[in-house]
Protein backbone atom coordinates (compact mmCIF):
# COMPACT_ATOMS: atom_id res chain seq x y z
CA MET A 1 110.18 118.80 109.91
CA ILE A 2 112.06 118.78 106.61
CA TRP A 3 110.55 120.65 103.67
CA LEU A 4 110.46 118.93 100.27
CA ASP A 5 108.79 121.95 98.69
CA ALA A 6 108.49 124.99 100.96
CA GLY A 7 104.96 125.55 102.15
CA LYS A 8 103.62 122.59 100.18
CA ALA A 9 105.14 119.25 101.20
CA ALA A 10 107.27 118.16 104.13
CA ASP A 11 108.69 115.10 105.87
CA ILE A 12 108.05 114.53 109.55
CA LEU A 13 110.33 111.84 110.97
CA PHE A 14 109.21 109.71 113.92
CA ALA A 15 110.01 106.42 115.61
CA ALA A 16 106.50 105.52 116.80
CA ASP A 17 104.04 102.88 115.67
CA PRO A 18 102.89 103.74 112.10
CA VAL A 19 99.22 103.11 112.84
CA GLY A 20 99.32 105.34 115.89
CA ALA A 21 101.27 107.99 114.03
CA ARG A 22 98.75 108.02 111.20
CA ALA A 23 95.90 108.47 113.67
CA ALA A 24 97.75 111.25 115.49
CA LEU A 25 98.50 113.10 112.25
CA ALA A 26 95.05 112.66 110.72
CA ASP A 27 93.91 116.04 112.03
CA LEU A 28 97.16 117.84 111.24
CA GLY A 29 95.28 120.46 109.28
CA GLN A 30 92.54 121.02 106.75
CA GLY A 31 93.52 120.29 103.16
CA ILE A 32 96.59 118.24 104.10
CA ASP A 33 97.17 114.67 102.93
CA VAL A 34 99.20 112.54 105.35
CA ILE A 35 101.00 109.35 104.28
CA VAL A 36 102.83 107.36 106.95
CA GLN A 37 105.41 104.80 105.84
CA PRO A 38 108.91 103.44 106.57
CA ALA A 39 111.60 105.80 105.33
CA ALA A 40 113.89 103.03 104.11
CA THR A 41 111.47 101.75 101.45
CA ARG A 42 109.62 104.92 100.55
CA GLU A 43 110.87 105.22 96.97
CA LYS A 44 109.06 102.55 94.99
CA LYS A 45 110.14 100.42 92.05
CA LEU A 46 106.66 99.48 90.83
CA ILE A 47 103.44 101.43 90.44
CA ILE A 48 100.32 99.41 89.68
CA ALA A 49 97.31 101.64 89.13
CA ASP A 50 93.62 101.62 88.35
CA MET A 51 92.52 103.77 85.40
CA ASP A 52 88.96 105.11 85.70
CA SER A 53 88.64 107.91 88.28
CA THR A 54 92.29 107.31 89.19
CA MET A 55 94.56 107.87 86.20
CA ILE A 56 91.76 109.56 84.25
CA THR A 57 88.98 111.80 85.54
CA VAL A 58 85.98 109.80 84.29
CA GLU A 59 84.41 106.34 84.32
CA CYS A 60 84.69 105.31 80.66
CA ILE A 61 81.68 103.01 80.64
CA ASP A 62 79.48 105.80 82.00
CA GLU A 63 80.66 108.20 79.32
CA LEU A 64 80.26 105.57 76.61
CA ALA A 65 76.71 104.99 77.84
CA ASP A 66 75.99 108.66 77.18
CA TYR A 67 76.46 107.98 73.46
CA ALA A 68 73.74 105.34 73.79
CA GLY A 69 71.50 107.71 75.71
CA ILE A 70 71.53 105.64 78.91
CA LYS A 71 74.24 107.25 81.06
CA PRO A 72 72.13 107.67 84.27
CA GLN A 73 71.09 104.01 84.21
CA ILE A 74 74.64 102.72 83.78
CA ALA A 75 76.28 105.30 86.07
CA GLU A 76 74.06 104.18 88.94
CA ILE A 77 75.26 100.60 88.54
CA THR A 78 78.88 101.76 88.27
CA GLU A 79 78.64 103.76 91.47
CA ARG A 80 77.19 100.83 93.39
CA ALA A 81 79.82 98.45 92.02
CA MET A 82 82.67 100.82 92.93
CA ARG A 83 81.25 101.11 96.44
CA GLY A 84 81.34 97.33 96.75
CA GLU A 85 77.56 96.98 96.90
CA LEU A 86 77.36 94.80 93.77
CA ASP A 87 79.35 91.84 92.46
CA PHE A 88 81.82 93.34 90.00
CA GLU A 89 81.49 90.67 87.32
CA GLY A 90 77.71 90.76 87.40
CA ALA A 91 77.67 94.54 87.31
CA LEU A 92 80.09 94.58 84.37
CA ASP A 93 77.99 92.10 82.41
CA GLU A 94 74.81 94.04 83.14
CA ARG A 95 76.24 97.35 81.99
CA VAL A 96 77.92 95.98 78.87
CA ALA A 97 74.71 94.18 77.88
CA LEU A 98 72.91 97.52 77.93
CA LEU A 99 75.40 98.82 75.34
CA LYS A 100 74.55 96.09 72.82
CA GLY A 101 74.16 97.56 69.33
CA LEU A 102 76.13 100.75 70.02
CA GLU A 103 78.33 101.63 67.05
CA ASP A 104 81.97 100.69 67.46
CA SER A 105 82.97 104.20 66.34
CA ALA A 106 81.42 105.60 69.54
CA ILE A 107 84.34 104.16 71.53
CA ASP A 108 86.93 106.27 69.74
CA ARG A 109 84.68 109.33 69.87
CA CYS A 110 84.17 108.85 73.58
CA ARG A 111 87.90 108.51 74.23
CA ALA A 112 88.70 111.63 72.22
CA GLU A 113 85.89 113.77 73.60
CA ARG A 114 85.54 112.64 77.22
CA VAL A 115 88.76 111.14 78.55
CA THR A 116 91.03 113.53 80.46
CA ILE A 117 94.24 112.49 82.17
CA MET A 118 94.16 113.01 85.95
CA PRO A 119 96.33 115.89 87.21
CA GLY A 120 99.69 114.60 88.35
CA ALA A 121 99.40 111.27 86.50
CA ARG A 122 102.02 111.95 83.83
CA ALA A 123 104.52 113.42 86.29
CA LEU A 124 104.03 110.51 88.69
CA VAL A 125 104.51 107.71 86.20
CA ARG A 126 107.19 109.35 84.08
CA THR A 127 109.24 110.41 87.10
CA MET A 128 109.10 106.96 88.64
CA LYS A 129 110.10 105.34 85.35
CA ALA A 130 112.98 107.78 84.92
CA ARG A 131 114.23 106.61 88.31
CA GLY A 132 114.09 102.93 87.33
CA ALA A 133 110.56 101.88 88.31
CA LYS A 134 108.07 99.77 86.35
CA ALA A 135 104.52 100.97 85.69
CA LEU A 136 101.45 98.80 85.08
CA LEU A 137 97.90 100.01 84.40
CA VAL A 138 95.22 97.51 85.50
CA SER A 139 91.60 98.32 84.72
CA GLY A 140 88.20 96.75 84.99
CA GLY A 141 87.41 98.90 81.96
CA PHE A 142 88.25 98.25 78.34
CA THR A 143 91.38 97.85 76.23
CA ARG A 144 90.17 100.40 73.67
CA PHE A 145 90.61 103.03 76.39
CA THR A 146 93.52 101.64 78.40
CA GLY A 147 95.87 101.23 75.44
CA PRO A 148 95.90 104.92 74.42
CA VAL A 149 95.75 106.13 78.03
CA ALA A 150 98.69 103.95 79.08
CA GLU A 151 100.74 105.22 76.15
CA GLU A 152 99.89 108.86 76.81
CA ILE A 153 100.78 108.68 80.50
CA GLY A 154 103.84 106.47 80.07
CA PHE A 155 102.91 103.06 81.50
CA ASP A 156 104.95 100.05 80.43
CA ALA A 157 101.86 97.88 79.93
CA ALA A 158 98.10 97.77 80.46
CA VAL A 159 95.63 95.03 81.38
CA ALA A 160 91.88 95.45 80.80
CA ASN A 161 88.71 93.82 79.48
CA VAL A 162 88.01 93.30 75.78
CA LEU A 163 84.65 94.42 74.39
CA GLU A 164 83.30 91.94 71.84
CA ILE A 165 82.40 93.62 68.56
CA ALA A 166 81.00 92.38 65.24
CA ASP A 167 79.75 94.14 62.11
CA GLY A 168 80.73 97.53 63.51
CA ALA A 169 78.66 97.28 66.70
CA LEU A 170 79.05 96.13 70.30
CA LEU A 171 77.72 92.64 70.99
CA GLY A 172 76.97 93.45 74.63
CA THR A 173 79.59 91.05 75.98
CA VAL A 174 83.23 90.98 77.08
CA THR A 175 85.78 88.21 76.65
CA ARG A 176 86.59 85.88 79.55
CA PRO A 177 88.26 85.83 81.97
CA ILE A 178 87.46 89.37 83.04
CA VAL A 179 89.78 91.78 84.80
CA ASP A 180 88.32 92.01 88.30
CA ALA A 181 89.65 92.55 91.82
CA ALA A 182 91.31 89.12 91.88
CA ARG A 183 93.03 89.72 88.54
CA LYS A 184 94.35 93.08 89.72
CA ARG A 185 95.86 91.46 92.80
CA ALA A 186 97.21 88.62 90.64
CA GLU A 187 99.05 91.10 88.41
CA LEU A 188 100.73 92.57 91.50
CA GLU A 189 101.63 89.13 92.82
CA ALA A 190 103.08 88.13 89.45
CA MET A 191 105.45 91.09 89.57
CA ILE A 192 106.50 90.17 93.10
CA ALA A 193 107.00 86.51 92.10
CA GLY A 194 109.23 87.80 89.30
CA GLY A 195 111.60 89.34 91.81
CA MET A 196 110.02 92.64 92.80
CA ASP A 197 110.30 93.44 96.52
CA ARG A 198 106.76 93.84 97.89
CA ALA A 199 107.92 96.69 100.11
CA LEU A 200 108.93 98.62 97.00
CA THR A 201 105.51 98.39 95.33
CA LEU A 202 102.87 101.11 95.15
CA ALA A 203 99.21 100.42 94.29
CA VAL A 204 96.63 103.16 93.80
CA GLY A 205 92.91 103.06 93.04
CA ASP A 206 89.51 104.39 94.05
CA GLY A 207 86.99 101.54 93.91
CA ALA A 208 86.15 98.39 95.83
CA ASN A 209 87.67 96.26 93.07
CA ASP A 210 91.03 97.89 93.83
CA ILE A 211 91.07 96.80 97.49
CA PRO A 212 92.97 93.49 97.09
CA MET A 213 95.85 95.06 95.17
CA ILE A 214 95.91 98.02 97.57
CA GLU A 215 96.10 95.64 100.52
CA GLY A 216 98.87 93.62 98.87
CA ALA A 217 101.22 96.46 97.96
CA GLY A 218 104.03 97.88 100.03
CA LEU A 219 102.15 101.18 99.94
CA GLY A 220 98.46 100.89 99.07
CA VAL A 221 96.75 104.20 98.40
CA ALA A 222 93.07 105.09 98.13
CA TYR A 223 92.78 108.02 95.71
CA HIS A 224 89.70 110.22 96.21
CA ALA A 225 88.13 106.87 96.90
CA LYS A 226 84.92 105.16 97.91
CA PRO A 227 84.40 104.56 101.66
CA LYS A 228 85.25 100.83 101.62
CA THR A 229 88.44 101.51 99.72
CA ARG A 230 89.48 104.28 102.09
CA ALA A 231 88.87 102.01 105.06
CA ALA A 232 91.01 99.24 103.57
CA ALA A 233 93.97 101.37 102.51
CA ALA A 234 97.00 102.17 104.63
CA ALA A 235 97.20 105.59 102.99
CA GLU A 236 94.85 107.90 101.16
CA ILE A 237 94.80 111.04 99.07
CA VAL A 238 91.77 113.18 99.79
CA HIS A 239 92.87 116.70 98.90
CA GLY A 240 95.75 116.68 96.42
CA ASP A 241 96.31 115.13 93.01
CA LEU A 242 98.50 112.18 92.03
CA SER A 243 101.69 114.20 92.45
CA VAL A 244 101.23 113.66 96.20
CA LEU A 245 102.64 110.19 95.54
CA LEU A 246 105.91 111.72 94.38
CA TYR A 247 106.20 113.71 97.59
CA ALA A 248 105.40 110.50 99.48
CA GLN A 249 108.50 108.99 97.89
CA GLY A 250 110.64 111.94 98.96
CA ILE A 251 110.89 113.41 95.46
CA ALA A 252 110.68 117.22 95.31
CA SER A 253 109.05 118.93 92.34
CA ALA A 254 112.41 120.12 91.02
CA ASP A 255 113.17 116.48 90.24
CA TRP A 256 109.89 115.58 88.54
CA VAL A 257 109.69 114.70 84.87
CA GLN A 258 107.23 117.34 83.68
CA ASP A 259 104.82 117.09 80.73
């Protein structure tokens, strides 16, 4: 065992089958996240990440619904969609329709008052970029949130849905095509088609709509995720924050780009 940070993160080298090794290490100890991967490609050159409940601590549409007085109604739909129990596009349309008439100013209020960056997010993205990686935020949420969040964390670009607004109020619709699971995977594939080695890509998310991009990445990670997402991912973070993904790349905290 080789310590990255004494008492906190370590490498365990092995020559066995990765699937078997992951199963064997699953019960290594309470409170320990285990990520099994090839050593040769562990440091990634692309991170493609979900936003809501991954790079930030909330679901923006649920918090925005609170300003319309209907958070429980919308949050229930969000939870079912993220679990993969509902069609994502239909669930998005249903929730956005319920926000029709909400003042446009509520979006900026919501972002300022409710959105908190996930612990470890800035260090993860900024450290990877400092070491030559690209960073893309892909969200089934809305551009009015992803733009400022991407800038604050340090992403190179962001892709998200556009809320349609007129006369200072939400119309209850989003522009087409929407950003769904297929679009998230397509953004990953576009980077790979542009010359990025798939083995050097990292995808992270929590919901069912993140599964295709998680399955397509060199290292796909379920972050404090829904059951279907955890089952589909080759790696998961259950206990720690996003800085675990720096340890997974062999980068000790002394070499992180701090806030």
